[in-house]
Amino acid sequence: MLEELKKIPADFPDDSRVWIFQSNRPFRAREVIEINEQLKNFYLQWQSHGAEVKGWSEVLFNHFIVVMADEKSAGVSGCSTDGMTRVMKSIEKQYLVELFDRLTLTFLVQEKVQMLPISQVPYGLEKGYIETDTPLFNNLAPTKQDLLSNWLVPLDKSWLWSRIVEKQV
């Protein structure tokens, strides 16, 4: 599964900006092909205030749409971010998925992507569905470097862990 990370282009600087959109269901193989084509059409025409944005985007792990921009040549502005959001909203409608749900978390359980509502994480731990070292997809990774090194982190090393411990005390 970690082969997916090798799809991230090497020719983007480590500080390239990243957005991660998590689908509420896995994309089918045919959908991945179609979505990747739509994403390519988007980022090849991506502009910010008339300047071309060096962009990249792809479906990873059949669950995530990752968008990346090298802001050295052109910074991503509100209008160019709005354009990206329009593409994601279009994909939502076309494939009947949710890409903006922040209350469902995704874990890598036995090499499979598994989703769990944030409110059910303590229950999942209690029942052994997930463990403290189960990798959590940290969709808050803001840069390419963070994507490569901190996207998949053990639950007990993630931003979520302190919230779980606080609720148990």
Protein backbone atom coordinates (compact mmCIF):
# COMPACT_ATOMS: atom_id res chain seq x y z
CA MET A 1 0.00 0.00 0.00
CA LEU A 2 2.82 2.43 0.72
CA GLU A 3 3.73 2.12 -2.97
CA GLU A 4 1.02 4.75 -3.38
CA LEU A 5 3.35 7.36 -1.88
CA LYS A 6 5.80 6.76 -4.73
CA LYS A 7 3.24 8.37 -7.06
CA ILE A 8 3.94 11.75 -5.45
CA PRO A 9 6.14 13.62 -7.95
CA ALA A 10 9.78 14.09 -7.01
CA ASP A 11 10.13 17.30 -9.04
CA PHE A 12 8.03 19.33 -6.61
CA PRO A 13 9.82 21.10 -3.73
CA ASP A 14 9.22 19.81 -0.21
CA ASP A 15 7.36 23.01 0.72
CA SER A 16 4.80 22.59 -2.08
CA ARG A 17 1.31 23.18 -0.76
CA VAL A 18 -0.99 20.16 -0.35
CA TRP A 19 -4.73 19.62 -0.02
CA ILE A 20 -6.19 16.21 0.80
CA PHE A 21 -9.80 15.33 0.05
CA GLN A 22 -11.03 12.10 1.60
CA SER A 23 -13.84 10.19 -0.03
CA ASN A 24 -16.50 8.57 2.14
CA ARG A 25 -16.12 5.39 0.09
CA PRO A 26 -13.39 3.81 -2.02
CA PHE A 27 -13.35 4.75 -5.67
CA ARG A 28 -13.76 1.92 -8.16
CA ALA A 29 -10.92 1.27 -10.62
CA ARG A 30 -12.84 2.87 -13.50
CA GLU A 31 -13.68 5.91 -11.36
CA VAL A 32 -10.01 6.36 -10.43
CA ILE A 33 -9.07 6.49 -14.12
CA GLU A 34 -11.84 8.98 -14.90
CA ILE A 35 -11.15 11.17 -11.86
CA ASN A 36 -7.40 11.23 -12.52
CA GLU A 37 -8.13 12.41 -16.06
CA GLN A 38 -10.39 15.20 -14.74
CA LEU A 39 -7.75 16.18 -12.20
CA LYS A 40 -5.06 16.30 -14.88
CA ASN A 41 -7.27 18.54 -17.03
CA PHE A 42 -7.71 20.81 -14.01
CA TYR A 43 -4.10 21.18 -12.93
CA LEU A 44 -2.75 21.56 -16.46
CA GLN A 45 -4.94 24.69 -16.78
CA TRP A 46 -4.64 25.86 -13.15
CA GLN A 47 -3.94 29.56 -12.86
CA SER A 48 -3.61 32.16 -10.15
CA HIS A 49 -4.12 35.78 -11.21
CA GLY A 50 -3.28 34.80 -14.79
CA ALA A 51 -0.06 32.99 -13.87
CA GLU A 52 0.25 29.27 -14.43
CA VAL A 53 0.31 27.20 -11.23
CA LYS A 54 2.56 24.16 -11.35
CA GLY A 55 0.14 21.58 -10.04
CA TRP A 56 -0.36 17.86 -9.62
CA SER A 57 -3.24 15.76 -8.41
CA GLU A 58 -4.12 12.09 -8.21
CA VAL A 59 -6.33 9.61 -6.40
CA LEU A 60 -4.25 7.74 -3.82
CA PHE A 61 -5.22 4.62 -1.87
CA ASN A 62 -8.51 4.67 -3.86
CA HIS A 63 -9.85 6.97 -1.11
CA PHE A 64 -8.01 10.28 -1.29
CA ILE A 65 -7.68 13.01 -3.87
CA VAL A 66 -4.38 14.74 -3.23
CA VAL A 67 -3.72 18.11 -4.85
CA MET A 68 -0.30 19.74 -4.80
CA ALA A 69 0.92 23.16 -5.97
CA ASP A 70 4.47 24.43 -6.30
CA GLU A 71 3.94 28.01 -5.21
CA LYS A 72 7.42 29.19 -6.19
CA SER A 73 6.27 30.22 -9.66
CA ALA A 74 2.75 31.34 -8.72
CA GLY A 75 1.13 31.42 -5.30
CA VAL A 76 -2.30 29.86 -5.01
CA SER A 77 -4.87 32.58 -4.41
CA GLY A 78 -8.48 32.51 -3.26
CA CYS A 79 -9.75 32.36 -6.83
CA SER A 80 -7.50 29.46 -7.77
CA THR A 81 -8.48 27.63 -4.57
CA ASP A 82 -12.12 28.24 -5.48
CA GLY A 83 -11.45 26.63 -8.86
CA MET A 84 -10.06 23.55 -7.13
CA THR A 85 -13.06 23.44 -4.81
CA ARG A 86 -15.42 23.59 -7.80
CA VAL A 87 -13.65 20.56 -9.31
CA MET A 88 -14.00 18.64 -6.03
CA LYS A 89 -17.70 19.56 -5.76
CA SER A 90 -18.21 18.37 -9.33
CA ILE A 91 -16.53 15.05 -8.52
CA GLU A 92 -18.77 14.72 -5.46
CA LYS A 93 -21.88 15.09 -7.61
CA GLN A 94 -20.66 12.94 -10.46
CA TYR A 95 -19.60 9.99 -8.28
CA LEU A 96 -22.04 10.45 -5.37
CA VAL A 97 -19.30 10.79 -2.75
CA GLU A 98 -18.50 13.21 0.05
CA LEU A 99 -15.07 14.85 -0.05
CA PHE A 100 -15.48 17.46 2.69
CA ASP A 101 -16.50 15.33 5.69
CA ARG A 102 -14.02 16.05 8.50
CA LEU A 103 -15.80 13.92 11.12
CA THR A 104 -14.78 10.58 9.64
CA LEU A 105 -11.22 9.39 10.06
CA THR A 106 -9.33 6.87 8.00
CA PHE A 107 -6.92 4.26 9.31
CA LEU A 108 -4.70 1.69 7.64
CA VAL A 109 -5.80 -1.56 9.29
CA GLN A 110 -4.02 -4.72 8.11
CA GLU A 111 -2.96 -2.96 4.90
CA LYS A 112 -6.56 -1.90 4.15
CA VAL A 113 -8.06 1.57 4.29
CA GLN A 114 -10.79 1.60 6.97
CA MET A 115 -13.00 4.51 7.95
CA LEU A 116 -14.33 5.30 11.41
CA PRO A 117 -16.39 8.25 12.68
CA ILE A 118 -14.27 10.32 15.06
CA SER A 119 -16.80 9.71 17.85
CA GLN A 120 -16.25 5.92 17.52
CA VAL A 121 -12.44 5.98 17.89
CA PRO A 122 -12.48 5.26 21.67
CA TYR A 123 -14.90 2.36 21.05
CA GLY A 124 -12.67 1.06 18.23
CA LEU A 125 -9.69 1.12 20.60
CA GLU A 126 -11.64 -0.56 23.39
CA LYS A 127 -12.81 -3.39 21.11
CA GLY A 128 -9.42 -3.86 19.42
CA TYR A 129 -10.58 -2.77 16.00
CA ILE A 130 -7.72 -0.27 16.05
CA GLU A 131 -4.64 -0.14 18.28
CA THR A 132 -2.52 2.73 19.54
CA ASP A 133 -0.01 2.04 16.76
CA THR A 134 -2.62 1.75 13.97
CA PRO A 135 -1.66 4.25 11.24
CA LEU A 136 -4.03 7.20 10.92
CA PHE A 137 -4.19 9.22 7.71
CA ASN A 138 -3.40 12.76 8.82
CA ASN A 139 -5.30 14.73 6.19
CA LEU A 140 -4.04 17.98 7.69
CA ALA A 141 -0.59 17.58 6.08
CA PRO A 142 -0.02 21.05 4.55
CA THR A 143 3.12 20.39 2.48
CA LYS A 144 4.68 17.70 0.32
CA GLN A 145 7.23 16.98 3.05
CA ASP A 146 4.44 16.51 5.60
CA LEU A 147 2.55 14.33 3.15
CA LEU A 148 5.56 12.05 2.72
CA SER A 149 6.61 11.91 6.36
CA ASN A 150 3.47 12.61 8.43
CA TRP A 151 0.44 11.60 6.39
CA LEU A 152 0.39 8.12 7.89
CA VAL A 153 1.17 8.32 11.59
CA PRO A 154 0.52 5.91 14.46
CA LEU A 155 -2.65 6.92 16.29
CA ASP A 156 -0.76 7.59 19.54
CA LYS A 157 1.59 10.00 17.70
CA SER A 158 -1.20 11.86 15.93
CA TRP A 159 -3.08 15.09 16.63
CA LEU A 160 -6.05 12.94 17.68
CA TRP A 161 -4.32 11.12 20.52
CA SER A 162 -4.37 14.01 23.02
CA ARG A 163 -8.11 14.42 22.43
CA ILE A 164 -8.72 10.74 23.16
CA VAL A 165 -6.58 10.78 26.32
CA GLU A 166 -8.25 14.02 27.54
CA LYS A 167 -11.72 12.44 27.19
CA GLN A 168 -10.65 9.36 29.16
CA VAL A 169 -9.30 11.36 32.11
